[in-house]
């Protein structure tokens, strides 16, 4: 019966072949995992339009986490991607109102259930008016950061958006590289 040879007993050629095979296997697994994540978990989106300025500018490339709402519920302030059921267009907007909340906009200031919402972290100016509405169950109220031109939940063609119509939340700004940002 032949004994197994140890690493020190293998000649250099055999040891080299094993190392190459191990590296190739590791590379193949990493490549397969990357392709799976990129195909089923993440979606690359290019920003078109200016409705999310100053947060995003035209041409920037974002990475969207498609599983985010299966893991954790929608949060106020999240930036989400959704497809408008009426027009078929895809939009990037910020979650402002959650199911059951009352949303009011006066002189550009947003109030949730009568309480002022501080948006100074992402808005340099505020604009618009909206009579108080109640966000229906399983829906969210979305606004663009550029309130003057944004087509969002204030408009009848968009309205409150069903949570199941959200494709995911923005996870990374990939390009331009100088603006690389992680959104948590």
C-alpha atoms as a PDB file:
ATOM      1  CA  UNK A   1       0.000   0.000   0.000  1.00  0.00           C
ATOM      2  CA  UNK A   2       1.373   3.363  -1.037  1.00  0.00           C
ATOM      3  CA  UNK A   3       1.558   6.140   1.567  1.00  0.00           C
ATOM      4  CA  UNK A   4       0.215   9.627   0.834  1.00  0.00           C
ATOM      5  CA  UNK A   5       2.995  12.021   0.075  1.00  0.00           C
ATOM      6  CA  UNK A   6       3.215  15.185   2.142  1.00  0.00           C
ATOM      7  CA  UNK A   7       3.764  18.653   0.746  1.00  0.00           C
ATOM      8  CA  UNK A   8       7.454  18.474   1.500  1.00  0.00           C
ATOM      9  CA  UNK A   9       7.691  15.185  -0.365  1.00  0.00           C
ATOM     10  CA  UNK A  10       6.035  16.492  -3.531  1.00  0.00           C
ATOM     11  CA  UNK A  11       8.438  17.652  -6.134  1.00  0.00           C
ATOM     12  CA  UNK A  12       8.351  21.286  -7.167  1.00  0.00           C
ATOM     13  CA  UNK A  13       6.474  20.582 -10.389  1.00  0.00           C
ATOM     14  CA  UNK A  14       3.616  18.746  -8.655  1.00  0.00           C
ATOM     15  CA  UNK A  15       3.418  21.379  -5.941  1.00  0.00           C
ATOM     16  CA  UNK A  16       3.322  24.147  -8.580  1.00  0.00           C
ATOM     17  CA  UNK A  17       0.464  22.412 -10.429  1.00  0.00           C
ATOM     18  CA  UNK A  18      -1.543  22.133  -7.201  1.00  0.00           C
ATOM     19  CA  UNK A  19      -1.032  25.815  -6.402  1.00  0.00           C
ATOM     20  CA  UNK A  20      -2.137  26.845  -9.897  1.00  0.00           C
ATOM     21  CA  UNK A  21      -5.214  24.616  -9.658  1.00  0.00           C
ATOM     22  CA  UNK A  22      -6.087  26.140  -6.263  1.00  0.00           C
ATOM     23  CA  UNK A  23      -5.729  29.674  -7.623  1.00  0.00           C
ATOM     24  CA  UNK A  24      -7.848  28.842 -10.697  1.00  0.00           C
ATOM     25  CA  UNK A  25     -10.547  27.292  -8.517  1.00  0.00           C
ATOM     26  CA  UNK A  26     -10.570  30.345  -6.220  1.00  0.00           C
ATOM     27  CA  UNK A  27     -10.756  32.676  -9.222  1.00  0.00           C
ATOM     28  CA  UNK A  28     -13.622  30.667 -10.770  1.00  0.00           C
ATOM     29  CA  UNK A  29     -15.624  30.729  -7.524  1.00  0.00           C
ATOM     30  CA  UNK A  30     -15.037  34.480  -7.099  1.00  0.00           C
ATOM     31  CA  UNK A  31     -16.033  35.135 -10.719  1.00  0.00           C
ATOM     32  CA  UNK A  32     -19.208  33.032 -10.384  1.00  0.00           C
ATOM     33  CA  UNK A  33     -20.157  34.795  -7.132  1.00  0.00           C
ATOM     34  CA  UNK A  34     -19.540  38.211  -8.719  1.00  0.00           C
ATOM     35  CA  UNK A  35     -21.645  37.370 -11.777  1.00  0.00           C
ATOM     36  CA  UNK A  36     -24.454  36.074  -9.556  1.00  0.00           C
ATOM     37  CA  UNK A  37     -24.430  39.217  -7.384  1.00  0.00           C
ATOM     38  CA  UNK A  38     -24.257  41.544 -10.381  1.00  0.00           C
ATOM     39  CA  UNK A  39     -27.044  39.687 -12.212  1.00  0.00           C
ATOM     40  CA  UNK A  40     -29.509  39.075  -9.403  1.00  0.00           C
ATOM     41  CA  UNK A  41     -28.699  41.334  -6.455  1.00  0.00           C
ATOM     42  CA  UNK A  42     -27.318  44.566  -7.897  1.00  0.00           C
ATOM     43  CA  UNK A  43     -28.428  46.711 -10.825  1.00  0.00           C
ATOM     44  CA  UNK A  44     -26.366  49.402 -12.507  1.00  0.00           C
ATOM     45  CA  UNK A  45     -28.311  52.613 -13.231  1.00  0.00           C
ATOM     46  CA  UNK A  46     -27.204  55.722 -15.122  1.00  0.00           C
ATOM     47  CA  UNK A  47     -28.767  58.984 -13.910  1.00  0.00           C
ATOM     48  CA  UNK A  48     -30.746  60.854 -16.560  1.00  0.00           C
ATOM     49  CA  UNK A  49     -32.270  64.236 -15.850  1.00  0.00           C
ATOM     50  CA  UNK A  50     -31.757  66.658 -12.993  1.00  0.00           C
ATOM     51  CA  UNK A  51     -34.610  65.847 -10.603  1.00  0.00           C
ATOM     52  CA  UNK A  52     -32.218  64.507  -7.937  1.00  0.00           C
ATOM     53  CA  UNK A  53     -29.720  67.390  -8.002  1.00  0.00           C
ATOM     54  CA  UNK A  54     -27.701  68.243  -5.974  1.00  0.00           C
ATOM     55  CA  UNK A  55     -27.450  64.620  -4.764  1.00  0.00           C
ATOM     56  CA  UNK A  56     -27.012  63.122  -8.249  1.00  0.00           C
ATOM     57  CA  UNK A  57     -26.094  64.697 -11.569  1.00  0.00           C
ATOM     58  CA  UNK A  58     -26.812  63.581 -15.095  1.00  0.00           C
ATOM     59  CA  UNK A  59     -24.550  60.754 -16.277  1.00  0.00           C
ATOM     60  CA  UNK A  60     -23.534  59.460 -12.851  1.00  0.00           C
ATOM     61  CA  UNK A  61     -23.560  55.672 -12.487  1.00  0.00           C
ATOM     62  CA  UNK A  62     -25.228  54.136  -9.428  1.00  0.00           C
ATOM     63  CA  UNK A  63     -25.409  50.608  -8.062  1.00  0.00           C
ATOM     64  CA  UNK A  64     -28.831  49.593  -6.749  1.00  0.00           C
ATOM     65  CA  UNK A  65     -29.387  46.826  -4.197  1.00  0.00           C
ATOM     66  CA  UNK A  66     -32.426  44.894  -5.481  1.00  0.00           C
ATOM     67  CA  UNK A  67     -32.776  42.812  -2.309  1.00  0.00           C
ATOM     68  CA  UNK A  68     -32.754  45.722   0.143  1.00  0.00           C
ATOM     69  CA  UNK A  69     -36.508  45.652   0.828  1.00  0.00           C
ATOM     70  CA  UNK A  70     -36.540  41.889   1.380  1.00  0.00           C
ATOM     71  CA  UNK A  71     -33.943  42.311   4.122  1.00  0.00           C
ATOM     72  CA  UNK A  72     -35.140  45.527   5.754  1.00  0.00           C
ATOM     73  CA  UNK A  73     -38.264  47.679   5.493  1.00  0.00           C
ATOM     74  CA  UNK A  74     -38.280  50.945   3.542  1.00  0.00           C
ATOM     75  CA  UNK A  75     -36.802  53.845   5.521  1.00  0.00           C
ATOM     76  CA  UNK A  76     -37.412  57.581   5.251  1.00  0.00           C
ATOM     77  CA  UNK A  77     -34.542  59.255   3.395  1.00  0.00           C
ATOM     78  CA  UNK A  78     -33.634  56.171   1.329  1.00  0.00           C
ATOM     79  CA  UNK A  79     -33.039  56.824  -2.348  1.00  0.00           C
ATOM     80  CA  UNK A  80     -34.990  54.298  -4.398  1.00  0.00           C
ATOM     81  CA  UNK A  81     -35.544  53.222  -7.988  1.00  0.00           C
ATOM     82  CA  UNK A  82     -39.061  52.457  -9.229  1.00  0.00           C
ATOM     83  CA  UNK A  83     -40.940  52.029 -12.485  1.00  0.00           C
ATOM     84  CA  UNK A  84     -44.016  54.228 -12.923  1.00  0.00           C
ATOM     85  CA  UNK A  85     -46.941  51.875 -13.635  1.00  0.00           C
ATOM     86  CA  UNK A  86     -48.708  54.507 -15.752  1.00  0.00           C
ATOM     87  CA  UNK A  87     -45.834  55.574 -18.019  1.00  0.00           C
ATOM     88  CA  UNK A  88     -43.369  52.681 -17.731  1.00  0.00           C
ATOM     89  CA  UNK A  89     -40.565  55.165 -17.012  1.00  0.00           C
ATOM     90  CA  UNK A  90     -37.983  54.422 -14.336  1.00  0.00           C
ATOM     91  CA  UNK A  91     -37.306  57.068 -11.674  1.00  0.00           C
ATOM     92  CA  UNK A  92     -34.853  57.768  -8.864  1.00  0.00           C
ATOM     93  CA  UNK A  93     -36.473  59.477  -5.848  1.00  0.00           C
ATOM     94  CA  UNK A  94     -36.121  59.864  -2.091  1.00  0.00           C
ATOM     95  CA  UNK A  95     -38.571  58.246   0.366  1.00  0.00           C
ATOM     96  CA  UNK A  96     -40.308  60.977   2.362  1.00  0.00           C
ATOM     97  CA  UNK A  97     -43.594  59.527   3.632  1.00  0.00           C
ATOM     98  CA  UNK A  98     -44.198  55.995   4.905  1.00  0.00           C
ATOM     99  CA  UNK A  99     -47.489  54.025   4.950  1.00  0.00           C
ATOM    100  CA  UNK A 100     -50.186  55.697   7.046  1.00  0.00           C
ATOM    101  CA  UNK A 101     -48.305  58.977   7.510  1.00  0.00           C
ATOM    102  CA  UNK A 102     -49.771  62.387   6.719  1.00  0.00           C
ATOM    103  CA  UNK A 103     -47.592  64.499   4.391  1.00  0.00           C
ATOM    104  CA  UNK A 104     -47.971  68.265   3.983  1.00  0.00           C
ATOM    105  CA  UNK A 105     -45.733  70.728   2.113  1.00  0.00           C
ATOM    106  CA  UNK A 106     -45.968  74.449   2.995  1.00  0.00           C
ATOM    107  CA  UNK A 107     -43.614  77.054   1.532  1.00  0.00           C
ATOM    108  CA  UNK A 108     -41.270  74.227   0.541  1.00  0.00           C
ATOM    109  CA  UNK A 109     -41.115  72.722   4.028  1.00  0.00           C
ATOM    110  CA  UNK A 110     -42.234  69.110   4.445  1.00  0.00           C
ATOM    111  CA  UNK A 111     -44.268  68.105   7.484  1.00  0.00           C
ATOM    112  CA  UNK A 112     -44.863  64.476   8.449  1.00  0.00           C
ATOM    113  CA  UNK A 113     -47.820  64.010  10.809  1.00  0.00           C
ATOM    114  CA  UNK A 114     -47.575  67.736  11.590  1.00  0.00           C
ATOM    115  CA  UNK A 115     -43.842  67.620  12.462  1.00  0.00           C
ATOM    116  CA  UNK A 116     -41.281  69.508  10.363  1.00  0.00           C
ATOM    117  CA  UNK A 117     -38.923  67.189   8.443  1.00  0.00           C
ATOM    118  CA  UNK A 118     -35.348  68.502   8.489  1.00  0.00           C
ATOM    119  CA  UNK A 119     -33.900  67.896   5.021  1.00  0.00           C
ATOM    120  CA  UNK A 120     -30.878  70.177   5.325  1.00  0.00           C
ATOM    121  CA  UNK A 121     -28.502  67.207   4.832  1.00  0.00           C
ATOM    122  CA  UNK A 122     -29.494  66.844   1.181  1.00  0.00           C
ATOM    123  CA  UNK A 123     -31.469  69.963   0.160  1.00  0.00           C
ATOM    124  CA  UNK A 124     -29.917  73.360  -0.469  1.00  0.00           C
ATOM    125  CA  UNK A 125     -33.301  74.964  -1.165  1.00  0.00           C
ATOM    126  CA  UNK A 126     -36.934  73.986  -0.717  1.00  0.00           C
ATOM    127  CA  UNK A 127     -39.880  74.660  -2.990  1.00  0.00           C
ATOM    128  CA  UNK A 128     -43.459  73.635  -3.569  1.00  0.00           C
ATOM    129  CA  UNK A 129     -46.824  73.291  -1.911  1.00  0.00           C
ATOM    130  CA  UNK A 130     -48.990  70.249  -1.260  1.00  0.00           C
ATOM    131  CA  UNK A 131     -52.229  69.915   0.641  1.00  0.00           C
ATOM    132  CA  UNK A 132     -52.054  67.249   3.321  1.00  0.00           C
ATOM    133  CA  UNK A 133     -52.427  63.695   2.063  1.00  0.00           C
ATOM    134  CA  UNK A 134     -52.331  60.367   3.883  1.00  0.00           C
ATOM    135  CA  UNK A 135     -49.990  57.758   2.416  1.00  0.00           C
ATOM    136  CA  UNK A 136     -52.032  54.579   1.734  1.00  0.00           C
ATOM    137  CA  UNK A 137     -51.039  51.239   3.306  1.00  0.00           C
ATOM    138  CA  UNK A 138     -48.203  49.457   1.444  1.00  0.00           C
ATOM    139  CA  UNK A 139     -47.272  52.727  -0.347  1.00  0.00           C
ATOM    140  CA  UNK A 140     -44.611  55.416   0.063  1.00  0.00           C
ATOM    141  CA  UNK A 141     -44.522  59.123  -0.778  1.00  0.00           C
ATOM    142  CA  UNK A 142     -41.458  59.995  -2.903  1.00  0.00           C
ATOM    143  CA  UNK A 143     -39.857  63.331  -3.771  1.00  0.00           C
ATOM    144  CA  UNK A 144     -36.935  64.326  -5.944  1.00  0.00           C
ATOM    145  CA  UNK A 145     -34.256  66.476  -4.324  1.00  0.00           C
ATOM    146  CA  UNK A 146     -34.651  69.153  -7.023  1.00  0.00           C
ATOM    147  CA  UNK A 147     -38.219  69.978  -5.978  1.00  0.00           C
ATOM    148  CA  UNK A 148     -38.760  72.694  -8.580  1.00  0.00           C
ATOM    149  CA  UNK A 149     -38.589  70.328 -11.574  1.00  0.00           C
ATOM    150  CA  UNK A 150     -39.041  66.860 -10.078  1.00  0.00           C
ATOM    151  CA  UNK A 151     -41.894  64.665 -11.277  1.00  0.00           C
ATOM    152  CA  UNK A 152     -42.706  62.762  -8.094  1.00  0.00           C
ATOM    153  CA  UNK A 153     -45.527  61.761  -5.715  1.00  0.00           C
ATOM    154  CA  UNK A 154     -46.932  65.305  -5.802  1.00  0.00           C
ATOM    155  CA  UNK A 155     -47.983  64.710  -9.412  1.00  0.00           C
ATOM    156  CA  UNK A 156     -51.057  62.612 -10.247  1.00  0.00           C
ATOM    157  CA  UNK A 157     -49.113  60.720 -12.920  1.00  0.00           C
ATOM    158  CA  UNK A 158     -46.875  59.300 -10.170  1.00  0.00           C
ATOM    159  CA  UNK A 159     -48.779  59.576  -6.878  1.00  0.00           C
ATOM    160  CA  UNK A 160     -47.895  57.434  -3.906  1.00  0.00           C
ATOM    161  CA  UNK A 161     -45.901  54.415  -5.061  1.00  0.00           C
ATOM    162  CA  UNK A 162     -46.577  50.832  -3.998  1.00  0.00           C
ATOM    163  CA  UNK A 163     -43.697  49.390  -1.998  1.00  0.00           C
ATOM    164  CA  UNK A 164     -43.728  46.297  -4.228  1.00  0.00           C
ATOM    165  CA  UNK A 165     -43.019  48.574  -7.224  1.00  0.00           C
ATOM    166  CA  UNK A 166     -39.708  49.725  -5.715  1.00  0.00           C
ATOM    167  CA  UNK A 167     -36.856  47.972  -7.537  1.00  0.00           C
ATOM    168  CA  UNK A 168     -34.293  48.645  -4.833  1.00  0.00           C
ATOM    169  CA  UNK A 169     -32.352  51.302  -3.002  1.00  0.00           C
ATOM    170  CA  UNK A 170     -29.244  53.109  -4.192  1.00  0.00           C
ATOM    171  CA  UNK A 171     -26.210  51.481  -2.591  1.00  0.00           C
ATOM    172  CA  UNK A 172     -23.189  53.062  -4.339  1.00  0.00           C
ATOM    173  CA  UNK A 173     -22.304  55.929  -6.622  1.00  0.00           C
ATOM    174  CA  UNK A 174     -19.728  54.250  -8.880  1.00  0.00           C
ATOM    175  CA  UNK A 175     -18.924  56.993 -11.370  1.00  0.00           C
ATOM    176  CA  UNK A 176     -17.423  59.479 -11.570  1.00  0.00           C
ATOM    177  CA  UNK A 177     -14.689  57.957  -9.425  1.00  0.00           C
ATOM    178  CA  UNK A 178     -14.032  61.271  -7.692  1.00  0.00           C
ATOM    179  CA  UNK A 179     -17.588  61.196  -6.341  1.00  0.00           C
ATOM    180  CA  UNK A 180     -17.594  57.537  -5.223  1.00  0.00           C
ATOM    181  CA  UNK A 181     -20.094  57.305  -2.328  1.00  0.00           C
ATOM    182  CA  UNK A 182     -21.629  54.528  -0.230  1.00  0.00           C
ATOM    183  CA  UNK A 183     -25.270  55.063   0.753  1.00  0.00           C
ATOM    184  CA  UNK A 184     -26.383  53.177   3.849  1.00  0.00           C
END
